[in-house]
Amino acid sequence: MPEDDPERTDLIPRVSDPAFSSASPPLGGTEEKSAKFKAGKHRRAPRKQPLWRELLTLLAIALVLTFLIQNFLGRVYSIPSGSMEHTLHGCTGCTGDRVLVDKLVYDFHDPKPGDVVVFEGPDSWTENEPVPDAPSNGVVRGLQWLGSLIGLAPPNERDFVKRVVAVGGQTVQCCDDKSRVLVDGKPLDEPYIYWQNGGPDARQRFDPVTVPDGTLWVMGDNRSDSCDSRCQGGGGLRGVVPIDKVIGKVRYIVLPPGRWRGVGDHDPQPAAAAALSAPAWQQGAPFGVGLLVAWPTLWLGRRIRWRHR
């Protein structure tokens, strides 16, 4: 036994011996494994990706995020006409506004009086309108689609933007002796109205209409130059808009830069505001959902950056 032979004890390796520690190969190790072990300390740095590849990656990520945001959270729409002057510009000869539309808010409550909404035209509104021809060139169609995502081109849809004046169950008519619209017999407070022709005339008047449940009565702020629930489909019940046709609520003017601002939703029915308002938890729900979406988005962004490095 080595411990019984004093002349052989110095052959027993000691862990504290620096010469032995530096010379010892890794456990289980042959010279080949030792070489690999040492080479691992000097691994070659990952090669930097070409600039064109980085740009393509960023462009692809941007398009995917744009698609998801535009289809589920919000979208930019162009204002094509002057029916919402002066709230939204779309007049002949002026630079039309591009507006950001919140597509999430009405998942938690229905539109309320005073909301400016974008909606898909119901059949009664579009049955006599010609269907626009789609471009025959595939490249042009693709560019039009990309442009519509960011509001630089009108979407290939028959959409409208108007203000909600009355909701299901309410009776709307025009007008009282001061040319004010009445809802359930009470005049509306509408400071946003613009009379392009200087004031109301006989054409603005319409008989009482009781709005069916699940529908909206909508009107343009430019009352003398807007074909809305008063005249679309012949007016009356054919002029109402089903709630399921509503795309979202107009929140902000995003272009041109000189008109950056929020879009007001002044309630013209102050007496009915409390009854029609959503509970506090529903009003805060969109913000809560936004926070929930923000965390995985941030995590995904960090993972993409880590993988890229």
Foldseek 3Di string as FASTA:
>chain_A
DQVVDVVNVVVDDDPPPVVCVVPDAPPVDDVVNSVVVVVVVVDDDDDADDPVVVVVVVVVVVVVVLVVCVVAFKAKAWAQDDLAPPLFDNHPPDDGFIFIFGQHLVVLPFDAALFKFKFADDCLQPVPPDQDDQDPDPVVNVVQVVCRRHHNHHDSGRMDIFGFHDAAQWKWWFDPPVGFIDINRHGFDDPLADAPVHDDDPLLGDDIAHAHHQWTFTGHSHSNPTCAQCCRSHHHRSRIGGRVRTRGTTFFGDPDPVGTDTRDRDHRCVVCCVVRDDDPCSVCVVVVVVVVVVVVVVVVVVVVVVVSD
